[in-house]
Amino acid sequence: MPFFSSEKLKRREIEIDRSAITCDSPEVKKRLSRIDANYRQLDSMLSDIESTISNDQRLSQIDATIKTVTQTAKKKRKWRRPNKPR
């Protein structure tokens, strides 16, 4: 069961605007650089996973199966509380 729609899962580049940093606190700079490094590492890991899936025949078949199942699945109704008798 997919938790996110394909629209939300589209790849987006996260850019950090370094010119907007106005705080001179070393703690803030250290925190921002750590966040930047973590995003670079995450992007690298996701790229590795995508390339592994595209290069491995078995994983690409599983990926294709998942895509077809999610496209053909019926959308479930939202659960609603039953009306209480008055």
N, C-alpha and C. Protein backbone atom coordinates (compact mmCIF):
# COMPACT_ATOMS: atom_id res chain seq x y z
N MET A 1 0.84 -1.16 0.00
CA MET A 1 0.00 0.00 0.00
C MET A 1 0.90 1.25 0.00
N PRO A 2 0.80 2.08 -1.02
CA PRO A 2 1.66 3.26 -1.06
C PRO A 2 1.16 4.34 -0.09
N PHE A 3 2.10 4.95 0.59
CA PHE A 3 1.75 6.01 1.53
C PHE A 3 1.75 7.37 0.88
N PHE A 4 2.51 7.51 -0.22
CA PHE A 4 2.63 8.79 -0.89
C PHE A 4 2.27 8.62 -2.36
N SER A 5 1.64 9.63 -2.93
CA SER A 5 1.31 9.58 -4.35
C SER A 5 2.58 9.76 -5.16
N SER A 6 2.52 9.38 -6.43
CA SER A 6 3.70 9.50 -7.29
C SER A 6 4.10 10.96 -7.47
N GLU A 7 3.13 11.87 -7.37
CA GLU A 7 3.44 13.30 -7.48
C GLU A 7 4.32 13.77 -6.33
N LYS A 8 4.03 13.27 -5.13
CA LYS A 8 4.82 13.67 -3.97
C LYS A 8 6.19 13.02 -3.97
N LEU A 9 6.34 11.89 -4.67
CA LEU A 9 7.61 11.18 -4.68
C LEU A 9 8.53 11.62 -5.81
N LYS A 10 8.14 12.62 -6.59
CA LYS A 10 9.00 13.10 -7.66
C LYS A 10 10.29 13.66 -7.07
N ARG A 11 11.39 13.46 -7.80
CA ARG A 11 12.68 13.96 -7.36
C ARG A 11 12.71 15.47 -7.44
N ARG A 12 13.16 16.08 -6.39
CA ARG A 12 13.32 17.53 -6.36
C ARG A 12 14.68 17.85 -5.77
N GLU A 13 15.37 18.78 -6.38
CA GLU A 13 16.67 19.20 -5.88
C GLU A 13 16.47 20.21 -4.75
N ILE A 14 17.14 19.99 -3.66
CA ILE A 14 17.06 20.92 -2.54
C ILE A 14 18.28 21.81 -2.61
N GLU A 15 18.03 23.09 -2.72
CA GLU A 15 19.13 24.04 -2.82
C GLU A 15 19.17 24.90 -1.56
N ILE A 16 20.37 25.17 -1.09
CA ILE A 16 20.54 26.03 0.07
C ILE A 16 21.09 27.36 -0.42
N ASP A 17 20.37 28.41 -0.15
CA ASP A 17 20.78 29.75 -0.56
C ASP A 17 21.74 30.29 0.48
N ARG A 18 23.01 30.23 0.19
CA ARG A 18 24.04 30.65 1.15
C ARG A 18 24.05 32.17 1.35
N SER A 19 23.55 32.92 0.39
CA SER A 19 23.55 34.37 0.55
C SER A 19 22.52 34.82 1.59
N ALA A 20 21.58 33.98 1.92
CA ALA A 20 20.53 34.34 2.86
C ALA A 20 20.95 34.13 4.32
N ILE A 21 22.11 33.51 4.55
CA ILE A 21 22.55 33.28 5.93
C ILE A 21 23.04 34.61 6.49
N THR A 22 22.36 35.06 7.54
CA THR A 22 22.72 36.36 8.10
C THR A 22 23.25 36.26 9.52
N CYS A 23 23.14 35.11 10.12
CA CYS A 23 23.59 34.96 11.50
C CYS A 23 25.08 34.63 11.52
N ASP A 24 25.82 35.28 12.38
CA ASP A 24 27.26 35.06 12.47
C ASP A 24 27.63 34.04 13.54
N SER A 25 26.63 33.47 14.16
CA SER A 25 26.88 32.51 15.22
C SER A 25 27.56 31.26 14.66
N PRO A 26 28.67 30.84 15.25
CA PRO A 26 29.34 29.62 14.76
C PRO A 26 28.48 28.37 14.94
N GLU A 27 27.63 28.39 15.95
CA GLU A 27 26.75 27.24 16.18
C GLU A 27 25.75 27.09 15.03
N VAL A 28 25.20 28.22 14.58
CA VAL A 28 24.25 28.19 13.47
C VAL A 28 24.95 27.76 12.19
N LYS A 29 26.14 28.28 11.95
CA LYS A 29 26.89 27.90 10.74
C LYS A 29 27.23 26.42 10.75
N LYS A 30 27.61 25.91 11.93
CA LYS A 30 27.95 24.49 12.04
C LYS A 30 26.71 23.63 11.78
N ARG A 31 25.58 24.06 12.31
CA ARG A 31 24.33 23.33 12.13
C ARG A 31 23.91 23.32 10.66
N LEU A 32 24.01 24.48 10.01
CA LEU A 32 23.64 24.57 8.59
C LEU A 32 24.57 23.73 7.72
N SER A 33 25.84 23.73 8.03
CA SER A 33 26.77 22.92 7.23
C SER A 33 26.50 21.43 7.45
N ARG A 34 26.12 21.04 8.67
CA ARG A 34 25.78 19.64 8.94
C ARG A 34 24.53 19.23 8.18
N ILE A 35 23.53 20.12 8.14
CA ILE A 35 22.30 19.85 7.39
C ILE A 35 22.62 19.71 5.91
N ASP A 36 23.45 20.61 5.39
CA ASP A 36 23.85 20.55 3.99
C ASP A 36 24.57 19.24 3.67
N ALA A 37 25.48 18.84 4.54
CA ALA A 37 26.21 17.58 4.34
C ALA A 37 25.26 16.38 4.38
N ASN A 38 24.30 16.42 5.30
CA ASN A 38 23.34 15.31 5.39
C ASN A 38 22.48 15.21 4.14
N TYR A 39 22.05 16.36 3.59
CA TYR A 39 21.26 16.33 2.36
C TYR A 39 22.09 15.81 1.18
N ARG A 40 23.36 16.19 1.13
CA ARG A 40 24.23 15.67 0.06
C ARG A 40 24.38 14.15 0.18
N GLN A 41 24.57 13.69 1.41
CA GLN A 41 24.71 12.25 1.64
C GLN A 41 23.42 11.51 1.29
N LEU A 42 22.28 12.07 1.66
CA LEU A 42 20.99 11.47 1.34
C LEU A 42 20.79 11.40 -0.17
N ASP A 43 21.12 12.48 -0.86
CA ASP A 43 20.98 12.50 -2.32
C ASP A 43 21.87 11.44 -2.96
N SER A 44 23.07 11.29 -2.44
CA SER A 44 23.99 10.28 -2.95
C SER A 44 23.44 8.87 -2.72
N MET A 45 22.90 8.62 -1.53
CA MET A 45 22.35 7.31 -1.22
C MET A 45 21.15 6.98 -2.11
N LEU A 46 20.26 7.96 -2.30
CA LEU A 46 19.08 7.74 -3.14
C LEU A 46 19.48 7.50 -4.59
N SER A 47 20.49 8.21 -5.07
CA SER A 47 20.97 7.99 -6.43
C SER A 47 21.55 6.58 -6.58
N ASP A 48 22.29 6.13 -5.57
CA ASP A 48 22.84 4.77 -5.59
C ASP A 48 21.73 3.73 -5.62
N ILE A 49 20.69 3.95 -4.84
CA ILE A 49 19.56 3.01 -4.80
C ILE A 49 18.86 2.97 -6.16
N GLU A 50 18.62 4.14 -6.74
CA GLU A 50 17.95 4.19 -8.05
C GLU A 50 18.78 3.51 -9.12
N SER A 51 20.09 3.73 -9.10
CA SER A 51 20.93 3.08 -10.11
C SER A 51 21.00 1.57 -9.89
N THR A 52 20.99 1.14 -8.63
CA THR A 52 20.99 -0.30 -8.34
C THR A 52 19.71 -0.94 -8.85
N ILE A 53 18.57 -0.29 -8.63
CA ILE A 53 17.30 -0.83 -9.09
C ILE A 53 17.26 -0.90 -10.61
N SER A 54 17.76 0.14 -11.28
CA SER A 54 17.71 0.13 -12.74
C SER A 54 18.69 -0.87 -13.34
N ASN A 55 19.81 -1.15 -12.65
CA ASN A 55 20.81 -2.07 -13.19
C ASN A 55 20.52 -3.53 -12.87
N ASP A 56 19.81 -3.80 -11.81
CA ASP A 56 19.51 -5.17 -11.39
C ASP A 56 18.18 -5.61 -12.02
N GLN A 57 18.23 -6.66 -12.82
CA GLN A 57 17.05 -7.13 -13.54
C GLN A 57 15.93 -7.54 -12.59
N ARG A 58 16.28 -8.26 -11.53
CA ARG A 58 15.27 -8.73 -10.59
C ARG A 58 14.58 -7.56 -9.87
N LEU A 59 15.37 -6.57 -9.45
CA LEU A 59 14.79 -5.42 -8.76
C LEU A 59 13.96 -4.55 -9.69
N SER A 60 14.37 -4.43 -10.95
CA SER A 60 13.59 -3.62 -11.89
C SER A 60 12.25 -4.30 -12.20
N GLN A 61 12.23 -5.65 -12.21
CA GLN A 61 10.96 -6.36 -12.40
C GLN A 61 10.03 -6.13 -11.20
N ILE A 62 10.59 -6.16 -10.01
CA ILE A 62 9.79 -5.91 -8.81
C ILE A 62 9.26 -4.48 -8.84
N ASP A 63 10.10 -3.53 -9.24
CA ASP A 63 9.69 -2.12 -9.32
C ASP A 63 8.56 -1.96 -10.33
N ALA A 64 8.66 -2.63 -11.49
CA ALA A 64 7.61 -2.55 -12.50
C ALA A 64 6.31 -3.16 -11.98
N THR A 65 6.41 -4.27 -11.25
CA THR A 65 5.23 -4.91 -10.67
C THR A 65 4.55 -3.98 -9.67
N ILE A 66 5.34 -3.34 -8.84
CA ILE A 66 4.78 -2.41 -7.85
C ILE A 66 4.08 -1.26 -8.54
N LYS A 67 4.66 -0.74 -9.60
CA LYS A 67 4.05 0.38 -10.33
C LYS A 67 2.72 -0.03 -10.95
N THR A 68 2.64 -1.23 -11.52
CA THR A 68 1.38 -1.66 -12.14
C THR A 68 0.31 -1.93 -11.08
N VAL A 69 0.72 -2.47 -9.94
CA VAL A 69 -0.24 -2.75 -8.87
C VAL A 69 -0.81 -1.44 -8.33
N THR A 70 0.04 -0.44 -8.13
CA THR A 70 -0.44 0.82 -7.58
C THR A 70 -1.30 1.58 -8.57
N GLN A 71 -1.07 1.39 -9.87
CA GLN A 71 -1.89 2.07 -10.87
C GLN A 71 -3.26 1.44 -11.00
N THR A 72 -3.35 0.13 -10.80
CA THR A 72 -4.62 -0.56 -10.99
C THR A 72 -5.42 -0.70 -9.69
N ALA A 73 -4.83 -0.35 -8.56
CA ALA A 73 -5.52 -0.51 -7.27
C ALA A 73 -6.65 0.50 -7.15
N LYS A 74 -7.76 0.02 -6.57
CA LYS A 74 -8.89 0.91 -6.33
C LYS A 74 -8.58 1.82 -5.16
N LYS A 75 -9.08 3.03 -5.24
CA LYS A 75 -8.89 3.96 -4.13
C LYS A 75 -9.91 3.61 -3.05
N LYS A 76 -9.41 3.47 -1.83
CA LYS A 76 -10.28 3.11 -0.73
C LYS A 76 -11.05 4.32 -0.23
N ARG A 77 -12.26 4.05 0.24
CA ARG A 77 -13.08 5.11 0.82
C ARG A 77 -12.53 5.49 2.18
N LYS A 78 -12.71 6.72 2.55
CA LYS A 78 -12.32 7.15 3.88
C LYS A 78 -13.25 6.51 4.89
N TRP A 79 -12.67 6.16 6.02
CA TRP A 79 -13.48 5.58 7.08
C TRP A 79 -14.29 6.69 7.72
N ARG A 80 -15.55 6.42 7.93
CA ARG A 80 -16.43 7.38 8.58
C ARG A 80 -17.06 6.72 9.79
N ARG A 81 -17.19 7.50 10.83
CA ARG A 81 -17.81 7.00 12.04
C ARG A 81 -19.30 6.79 11.77
N PRO A 82 -19.87 5.67 12.22
CA PRO A 82 -21.32 5.45 12.01
C PRO A 82 -22.13 6.49 12.76
N ASN A 83 -23.22 6.84 12.18
CA ASN A 83 -24.12 7.83 12.83
C ASN A 83 -24.71 7.21 14.08
N LYS A 84 -24.75 8.00 15.14
CA LYS A 84 -25.34 7.53 16.38
C LYS A 84 -26.84 7.77 16.31
N PRO A 85 -27.65 6.79 16.73
CA PRO A 85 -29.09 7.01 16.75
C PRO A 85 -29.44 8.04 17.80
N ARG A 86 -30.39 8.87 17.47
CA ARG A 86 -30.81 9.94 18.40
C ARG A 86 -31.98 9.54 19.21
